[in-house]
Amino acid sequence: FGTWRLNLAESTFLSGPPQYTRLTCKIEPWGDRLKVIYDMVGVRGGVTHWEWTGRLDGKDYTLQGVEEVVTNAYSRIGDHTYGVVFKVDGRITTSTRIGISADGKVMTVISPASNAQGQSVVNTAIYHKR
């Protein structure tokens, strides 16, 4: 739980530059579920706000704040590791792995992607707990 801020300098986006200059992710308990809030500022200054509420049970839960039907399915893989399957209109678009450091201060998000040449690459986003 907590508020996490993306550190662009420590992250690598091999698929191309990120579409935002700032990303904050807040994770909090929500009854018997989790609530994940994403706040992003785009490279041209636009602000995006997404919210997801669900369990770590691998089931699809709808992402709020987007026009398409987007779901995230979070699951616990290990003590400090989680998986997320992203779907758009029921079709898997990516599977991401999230690791939390043993001291709970760094979150590493590893996502497969494709670069401009269509080659498979891996993006690594590093977040620090605020």
N, C-alpha and C. Protein backbone atom coordinates (compact mmCIF):
# COMPACT_ATOMS: atom_id res chain seq x y z
N PHE A 1 0.84 -1.19 0.00
CA PHE A 1 0.00 0.00 0.00
C PHE A 1 0.88 1.24 0.00
N GLY A 2 0.33 2.35 -0.44
CA GLY A 2 1.07 3.60 -0.43
C GLY A 2 0.98 4.31 -1.76
N THR A 3 1.70 5.41 -1.84
CA THR A 3 1.76 6.21 -3.07
C THR A 3 3.14 6.05 -3.68
N TRP A 4 3.14 5.75 -4.97
CA TRP A 4 4.37 5.46 -5.71
C TRP A 4 4.51 6.45 -6.86
N ARG A 5 5.71 6.95 -7.06
CA ARG A 5 5.97 7.87 -8.17
C ARG A 5 6.99 7.25 -9.12
N LEU A 6 6.66 7.27 -10.41
CA LEU A 6 7.56 6.74 -11.44
C LEU A 6 8.83 7.58 -11.50
N ASN A 7 9.98 6.90 -11.52
CA ASN A 7 11.26 7.56 -11.69
C ASN A 7 11.70 7.31 -13.13
N LEU A 8 11.48 8.29 -14.01
CA LEU A 8 11.80 8.13 -15.43
C LEU A 8 13.29 7.91 -15.67
N ALA A 9 14.14 8.53 -14.86
CA ALA A 9 15.58 8.41 -15.05
C ALA A 9 16.07 6.98 -14.80
N GLU A 10 15.43 6.24 -13.91
CA GLU A 10 15.83 4.87 -13.60
C GLU A 10 15.10 3.84 -14.46
N SER A 11 14.08 4.26 -15.18
CA SER A 11 13.26 3.35 -15.97
C SER A 11 13.81 3.24 -17.39
N THR A 12 13.47 2.13 -18.06
CA THR A 12 13.85 1.96 -19.46
C THR A 12 12.61 1.60 -20.26
N PHE A 13 12.36 2.37 -21.32
CA PHE A 13 11.22 2.14 -22.19
C PHE A 13 11.76 1.84 -23.59
N LEU A 14 12.07 0.57 -23.83
CA LEU A 14 12.67 0.16 -25.09
C LEU A 14 11.68 0.20 -26.25
N SER A 15 10.39 0.32 -25.94
CA SER A 15 9.38 0.40 -27.00
C SER A 15 9.24 1.82 -27.54
N GLY A 16 9.88 2.77 -26.89
CA GLY A 16 9.81 4.18 -27.28
C GLY A 16 9.58 5.03 -26.05
N PRO A 17 9.70 6.34 -26.20
CA PRO A 17 9.54 7.22 -25.03
C PRO A 17 8.13 7.12 -24.46
N PRO A 18 8.01 7.23 -23.13
CA PRO A 18 6.68 7.18 -22.51
C PRO A 18 5.83 8.36 -22.96
N GLN A 19 4.53 8.20 -22.89
CA GLN A 19 3.58 9.24 -23.30
C GLN A 19 3.31 10.23 -22.19
N TYR A 20 3.98 10.10 -21.06
CA TYR A 20 3.73 10.98 -19.93
C TYR A 20 5.04 11.43 -19.31
N THR A 21 4.97 12.54 -18.61
CA THR A 21 6.15 13.07 -17.93
C THR A 21 6.10 12.79 -16.43
N ARG A 22 4.93 12.44 -15.93
CA ARG A 22 4.78 12.14 -14.50
C ARG A 22 3.68 11.11 -14.33
N LEU A 23 3.94 10.10 -13.51
CA LEU A 23 2.95 9.09 -13.21
C LEU A 23 3.02 8.75 -11.74
N THR A 24 1.87 8.84 -11.09
CA THR A 24 1.76 8.47 -9.69
C THR A 24 0.74 7.36 -9.56
N CYS A 25 1.07 6.37 -8.75
CA CYS A 25 0.19 5.23 -8.53
C CYS A 25 -0.06 5.12 -7.03
N LYS A 26 -1.32 5.17 -6.65
CA LYS A 26 -1.68 5.06 -5.23
C LYS A 26 -2.41 3.73 -5.05
N ILE A 27 -1.95 2.92 -4.09
CA ILE A 27 -2.55 1.62 -3.80
C ILE A 27 -3.05 1.67 -2.36
N GLU A 28 -4.34 1.37 -2.17
CA GLU A 28 -4.92 1.45 -0.83
C GLU A 28 -5.94 0.33 -0.62
N PRO A 29 -6.16 -0.05 0.65
CA PRO A 29 -7.20 -1.04 0.93
C PRO A 29 -8.57 -0.43 0.64
N TRP A 30 -9.50 -1.27 0.17
CA TRP A 30 -10.85 -0.81 -0.17
C TRP A 30 -11.81 -1.93 0.26
N GLY A 31 -12.19 -1.92 1.55
CA GLY A 31 -12.99 -3.02 2.07
C GLY A 31 -12.17 -4.30 1.99
N ASP A 32 -12.72 -5.33 1.36
CA ASP A 32 -11.97 -6.58 1.19
C ASP A 32 -11.24 -6.61 -0.16
N ARG A 33 -11.07 -5.46 -0.76
CA ARG A 33 -10.42 -5.33 -2.07
C ARG A 33 -9.27 -4.35 -2.00
N LEU A 34 -8.67 -4.11 -3.16
CA LEU A 34 -7.66 -3.07 -3.33
C LEU A 34 -8.21 -2.00 -4.24
N LYS A 35 -7.75 -0.79 -4.05
CA LYS A 35 -8.05 0.28 -4.99
C LYS A 35 -6.71 0.81 -5.48
N VAL A 36 -6.56 0.87 -6.81
CA VAL A 36 -5.34 1.39 -7.42
C VAL A 36 -5.74 2.61 -8.24
N ILE A 37 -5.09 3.74 -7.96
CA ILE A 37 -5.40 5.00 -8.64
C ILE A 37 -4.15 5.44 -9.39
N TYR A 38 -4.32 5.67 -10.69
CA TYR A 38 -3.23 6.13 -11.55
C TYR A 38 -3.51 7.57 -11.94
N ASP A 39 -2.57 8.47 -11.70
CA ASP A 39 -2.65 9.85 -12.15
C ASP A 39 -1.43 10.13 -13.02
N MET A 40 -1.69 10.57 -14.26
CA MET A 40 -0.61 10.78 -15.22
C MET A 40 -0.70 12.17 -15.83
N VAL A 41 0.47 12.74 -16.12
CA VAL A 41 0.55 14.00 -16.86
C VAL A 41 1.27 13.69 -18.16
N GLY A 42 0.61 13.94 -19.27
CA GLY A 42 1.17 13.64 -20.59
C GLY A 42 2.25 14.62 -21.00
N VAL A 43 2.96 14.26 -22.07
CA VAL A 43 4.07 15.09 -22.55
C VAL A 43 3.59 16.46 -23.02
N ARG A 44 2.31 16.58 -23.39
CA ARG A 44 1.76 17.88 -23.80
C ARG A 44 0.93 18.52 -22.69
N GLY A 45 1.00 17.97 -21.48
CA GLY A 45 0.33 18.58 -20.34
C GLY A 45 -1.03 18.03 -19.99
N GLY A 46 -1.58 17.14 -20.81
CA GLY A 46 -2.89 16.56 -20.50
C GLY A 46 -2.84 15.68 -19.26
N VAL A 47 -3.92 15.66 -18.50
CA VAL A 47 -4.00 14.90 -17.26
C VAL A 47 -4.95 13.72 -17.46
N THR A 48 -4.51 12.54 -17.02
CA THR A 48 -5.33 11.33 -17.10
C THR A 48 -5.45 10.73 -15.71
N HIS A 49 -6.66 10.28 -15.38
CA HIS A 49 -6.94 9.68 -14.08
C HIS A 49 -7.66 8.35 -14.31
N TRP A 50 -7.08 7.24 -13.82
CA TRP A 50 -7.70 5.92 -13.91
C TRP A 50 -7.85 5.35 -12.51
N GLU A 51 -8.88 4.52 -12.33
CA GLU A 51 -9.07 3.83 -11.06
C GLU A 51 -9.44 2.38 -11.32
N TRP A 52 -8.91 1.51 -10.47
CA TRP A 52 -9.20 0.08 -10.54
C TRP A 52 -9.48 -0.40 -9.13
N THR A 53 -10.55 -1.14 -8.96
CA THR A 53 -10.87 -1.74 -7.66
C THR A 53 -11.11 -3.22 -7.89
N GLY A 54 -10.43 -4.06 -7.14
CA GLY A 54 -10.59 -5.50 -7.30
C GLY A 54 -9.77 -6.26 -6.28
N ARG A 55 -9.72 -7.56 -6.49
CA ARG A 55 -8.98 -8.46 -5.59
C ARG A 55 -7.76 -9.02 -6.34
N LEU A 56 -6.87 -9.63 -5.56
CA LEU A 56 -5.69 -10.29 -6.13
C LEU A 56 -6.05 -11.74 -6.45
N ASP A 57 -7.11 -11.94 -7.20
CA ASP A 57 -7.62 -13.29 -7.46
C ASP A 57 -7.52 -13.71 -8.92
N GLY A 58 -6.87 -12.91 -9.76
CA GLY A 58 -6.70 -13.26 -11.16
C GLY A 58 -7.94 -13.06 -12.01
N LYS A 59 -9.01 -12.49 -11.44
CA LYS A 59 -10.24 -12.24 -12.19
C LYS A 59 -10.22 -10.83 -12.77
N ASP A 60 -10.95 -10.64 -13.88
CA ASP A 60 -11.01 -9.34 -14.53
C ASP A 60 -11.88 -8.37 -13.75
N TYR A 61 -11.34 -7.17 -13.52
CA TYR A 61 -12.08 -6.07 -12.92
C TYR A 61 -11.88 -4.84 -13.83
N THR A 62 -12.94 -4.11 -14.05
CA THR A 62 -12.93 -3.01 -15.01
C THR A 62 -12.11 -1.82 -14.52
N LEU A 63 -11.35 -1.25 -15.43
CA LEU A 63 -10.59 -0.03 -15.19
C LEU A 63 -11.51 1.14 -15.51
N GLN A 64 -11.62 2.07 -14.58
CA GLN A 64 -12.47 3.25 -14.75
C GLN A 64 -11.63 4.41 -15.25
N GLY A 65 -12.18 5.19 -16.17
CA GLY A 65 -11.49 6.38 -16.66
C GLY A 65 -11.01 6.26 -18.09
N VAL A 66 -11.40 5.18 -18.77
CA VAL A 66 -11.03 4.99 -20.17
C VAL A 66 -12.29 4.74 -20.98
N GLU A 67 -12.24 5.04 -22.27
CA GLU A 67 -13.40 4.89 -23.14
C GLU A 67 -13.66 3.43 -23.52
N GLU A 68 -12.59 2.64 -23.71
CA GLU A 68 -12.74 1.25 -24.09
C GLU A 68 -13.12 0.41 -22.87
N VAL A 69 -13.48 -0.85 -23.12
CA VAL A 69 -13.69 -1.78 -22.02
C VAL A 69 -12.33 -2.39 -21.70
N VAL A 70 -11.72 -1.90 -20.63
CA VAL A 70 -10.39 -2.34 -20.23
C VAL A 70 -10.52 -3.00 -18.86
N THR A 71 -9.91 -4.18 -18.73
CA THR A 71 -9.90 -4.86 -17.44
C THR A 71 -8.47 -5.16 -17.04
N ASN A 72 -8.26 -5.24 -15.75
CA ASN A 72 -7.00 -5.68 -15.16
C ASN A 72 -7.33 -6.87 -14.28
N ALA A 73 -6.50 -7.89 -14.33
CA ALA A 73 -6.63 -9.04 -13.45
C ALA A 73 -5.32 -9.17 -12.68
N TYR A 74 -5.36 -8.81 -11.40
CA TYR A 74 -4.17 -8.88 -10.55
C TYR A 74 -4.14 -10.22 -9.82
N SER A 75 -2.94 -10.75 -9.64
CA SER A 75 -2.79 -11.98 -8.87
C SER A 75 -1.46 -11.93 -8.12
N ARG A 76 -1.43 -12.61 -7.00
CA ARG A 76 -0.20 -12.69 -6.21
C ARG A 76 0.60 -13.89 -6.73
N ILE A 77 1.87 -13.65 -7.05
CA ILE A 77 2.75 -14.72 -7.52
C ILE A 77 3.64 -15.21 -6.38
N GLY A 78 4.09 -14.29 -5.55
CA GLY A 78 4.96 -14.61 -4.42
C GLY A 78 4.79 -13.55 -3.34
N ASP A 79 5.64 -13.61 -2.32
CA ASP A 79 5.53 -12.66 -1.21
C ASP A 79 5.66 -11.20 -1.66
N HIS A 80 6.49 -10.94 -2.66
CA HIS A 80 6.73 -9.57 -3.11
C HIS A 80 6.52 -9.42 -4.62
N THR A 81 5.80 -10.36 -5.22
CA THR A 81 5.64 -10.36 -6.67
C THR A 81 4.17 -10.54 -7.05
N TYR A 82 3.75 -9.75 -8.04
CA TYR A 82 2.36 -9.78 -8.50
C TYR A 82 2.35 -9.82 -10.02
N GLY A 83 1.29 -10.35 -10.56
CA GLY A 83 1.09 -10.35 -11.99
C GLY A 83 -0.17 -9.57 -12.32
N VAL A 84 -0.17 -8.92 -13.47
CA VAL A 84 -1.34 -8.18 -13.94
C VAL A 84 -1.55 -8.52 -15.41
N VAL A 85 -2.76 -8.95 -15.75
CA VAL A 85 -3.12 -9.20 -17.14
C VAL A 85 -4.06 -8.09 -17.56
N PHE A 86 -3.67 -7.34 -18.60
CA PHE A 86 -4.47 -6.24 -19.13
C PHE A 86 -5.24 -6.74 -20.35
N LYS A 87 -6.53 -6.44 -20.39
CA LYS A 87 -7.35 -6.81 -21.55
C LYS A 87 -8.10 -5.60 -22.05
N VAL A 88 -8.24 -5.50 -23.38
CA VAL A 88 -9.08 -4.49 -24.02
C VAL A 88 -10.13 -5.25 -24.80
N ASP A 89 -11.39 -4.96 -24.49
CA ASP A 89 -12.51 -5.65 -25.14
C ASP A 89 -12.35 -7.17 -25.07
N GLY A 90 -11.86 -7.67 -23.92
CA GLY A 90 -11.74 -9.10 -23.69
C GLY A 90 -10.50 -9.75 -24.27
N ARG A 91 -9.67 -8.99 -24.99
CA ARG A 91 -8.46 -9.51 -25.62
C ARG A 91 -7.24 -9.10 -24.80
N ILE A 92 -6.40 -10.07 -24.45
CA ILE A 92 -5.19 -9.77 -23.68
C ILE A 92 -4.27 -8.87 -24.51
N THR A 93 -3.89 -7.74 -23.93
CA THR A 93 -2.96 -6.83 -24.60
C THR A 93 -1.55 -6.93 -24.02
N THR A 94 -1.44 -7.23 -22.73
CA THR A 94 -0.12 -7.42 -22.12
C THR A 94 -0.28 -8.09 -20.76
N SER A 95 0.78 -8.75 -20.35
CA SER A 95 0.88 -9.31 -19.01
C SER A 95 2.11 -8.69 -18.36
N THR A 96 1.93 -8.13 -17.20
CA THR A 96 2.97 -7.39 -16.52
C THR A 96 3.32 -8.07 -15.21
N ARG A 97 4.57 -7.97 -14.82
CA ARG A 97 5.02 -8.51 -13.53
C ARG A 97 5.46 -7.34 -12.66
N ILE A 98 5.00 -7.33 -11.42
CA ILE A 98 5.33 -6.26 -10.47
C ILE A 98 6.10 -6.88 -9.31
N GLY A 99 7.23 -6.28 -8.99
CA GLY A 99 8.02 -6.72 -7.84
C GLY A 99 8.19 -5.57 -6.86
N ILE A 100 8.04 -5.89 -5.59
CA ILE A 100 8.25 -4.90 -4.52
C ILE A 100 9.54 -5.29 -3.79
N SER A 101 10.42 -4.34 -3.59
CA SER A 101 11.69 -4.61 -2.91
C SER A 101 11.42 -5.09 -1.48
N ALA A 102 12.38 -5.80 -0.91
CA ALA A 102 12.23 -6.34 0.44
C ALA A 102 11.98 -5.24 1.48
N ASP A 103 12.55 -4.05 1.26
CA ASP A 103 12.34 -2.95 2.21
C ASP A 103 11.04 -2.18 1.93
N GLY A 104 10.31 -2.55 0.86
CA GLY A 104 9.02 -1.93 0.56
C GLY A 104 9.10 -0.54 -0.02
N LYS A 105 10.28 -0.13 -0.51
CA LYS A 105 10.44 1.25 -0.98
C LYS A 105 10.50 1.39 -2.50
N VAL A 106 10.73 0.28 -3.22
CA VAL A 106 10.88 0.34 -4.67
C VAL A 106 9.94 -0.68 -5.31
N MET A 107 9.21 -0.23 -6.32
CA MET A 107 8.34 -1.11 -7.08
C MET A 107 8.88 -1.15 -8.52
N THR A 108 9.11 -2.37 -9.03
CA THR A 108 9.61 -2.55 -10.38
C THR A 108 8.52 -3.21 -11.21
N VAL A 109 8.15 -2.58 -12.32
CA VAL A 109 7.09 -3.09 -13.19
C VAL A 109 7.74 -3.46 -14.52
N ILE A 110 7.67 -4.75 -14.87
CA ILE A 110 8.28 -5.25 -16.10
C ILE A 110 7.16 -5.62 -17.06
N SER A 111 7.19 -5.00 -18.26
CA SER A 111 6.12 -5.18 -19.25
C SER A 111 6.71 -5.50 -20.62
N PRO A 112 6.24 -6.59 -21.24
CA PRO A 112 6.66 -6.84 -22.62
C PRO A 112 5.99 -5.83 -23.54
N ALA A 113 6.66 -5.49 -24.63
CA ALA A 113 6.13 -4.52 -25.59
C ALA A 113 6.79 -4.77 -26.94
N SER A 114 6.45 -3.94 -27.92
CA SER A 114 7.08 -3.97 -29.23
C SER A 114 7.63 -2.59 -29.54
N ASN A 115 8.80 -2.55 -30.19
CA ASN A 115 9.36 -1.25 -30.58
C ASN A 115 8.84 -0.86 -31.96
N ALA A 116 9.30 0.25 -32.48
CA ALA A 116 8.82 0.78 -33.76
C ALA A 116 9.11 -0.18 -34.92
N GLN A 117 10.11 -1.04 -34.77
CA GLN A 117 10.45 -2.00 -35.81
C GLN A 117 9.67 -3.31 -35.66
N GLY A 118 8.80 -3.38 -34.65
CA GLY A 118 8.00 -4.58 -34.42
C GLY A 118 8.72 -5.66 -33.64
N GLN A 119 9.89 -5.34 -33.10
CA GLN A 119 10.65 -6.31 -32.31
C GLN A 119 10.12 -6.36 -30.89
N SER A 120 10.14 -7.54 -30.29
CA SER A 120 9.73 -7.70 -28.90
C SER A 120 10.81 -7.13 -27.99
N VAL A 121 10.40 -6.29 -27.07
CA VAL A 121 11.30 -5.68 -26.09
C VAL A 121 10.63 -5.73 -24.72
N VAL A 122 11.36 -5.31 -23.71
CA VAL A 122 10.82 -5.27 -22.35
C VAL A 122 10.99 -3.86 -21.81
N ASN A 123 9.90 -3.29 -21.30
CA ASN A 123 9.95 -2.00 -20.62
C ASN A 123 10.05 -2.26 -19.13
N THR A 124 10.88 -1.49 -18.45
CA THR A 124 11.03 -1.61 -17.00
C THR A 124 10.77 -0.24 -16.38
N ALA A 125 9.71 -0.17 -15.59
CA ALA A 125 9.36 1.09 -14.91
C ALA A 125 9.71 0.96 -13.43
N ILE A 126 10.44 1.93 -12.92
CA ILE A 126 10.87 1.93 -11.52
C ILE A 126 10.10 3.02 -10.78
N TYR A 127 9.42 2.62 -9.71
CA TYR A 127 8.66 3.54 -8.87
C TYR A 127 9.28 3.57 -7.48
N HIS A 128 9.23 4.76 -6.86
CA HIS A 128 9.69 4.90 -5.49
C HIS A 128 8.49 5.28 -4.63
N LYS A 129 8.44 4.69 -3.44
CA LYS A 129 7.35 5.00 -2.51
C LYS A 129 7.59 6.38 -1.92
N ARG A 130 6.52 7.16 -1.90
CA ARG A 130 6.61 8.52 -1.36
C ARG A 130 6.26 8.53 0.10
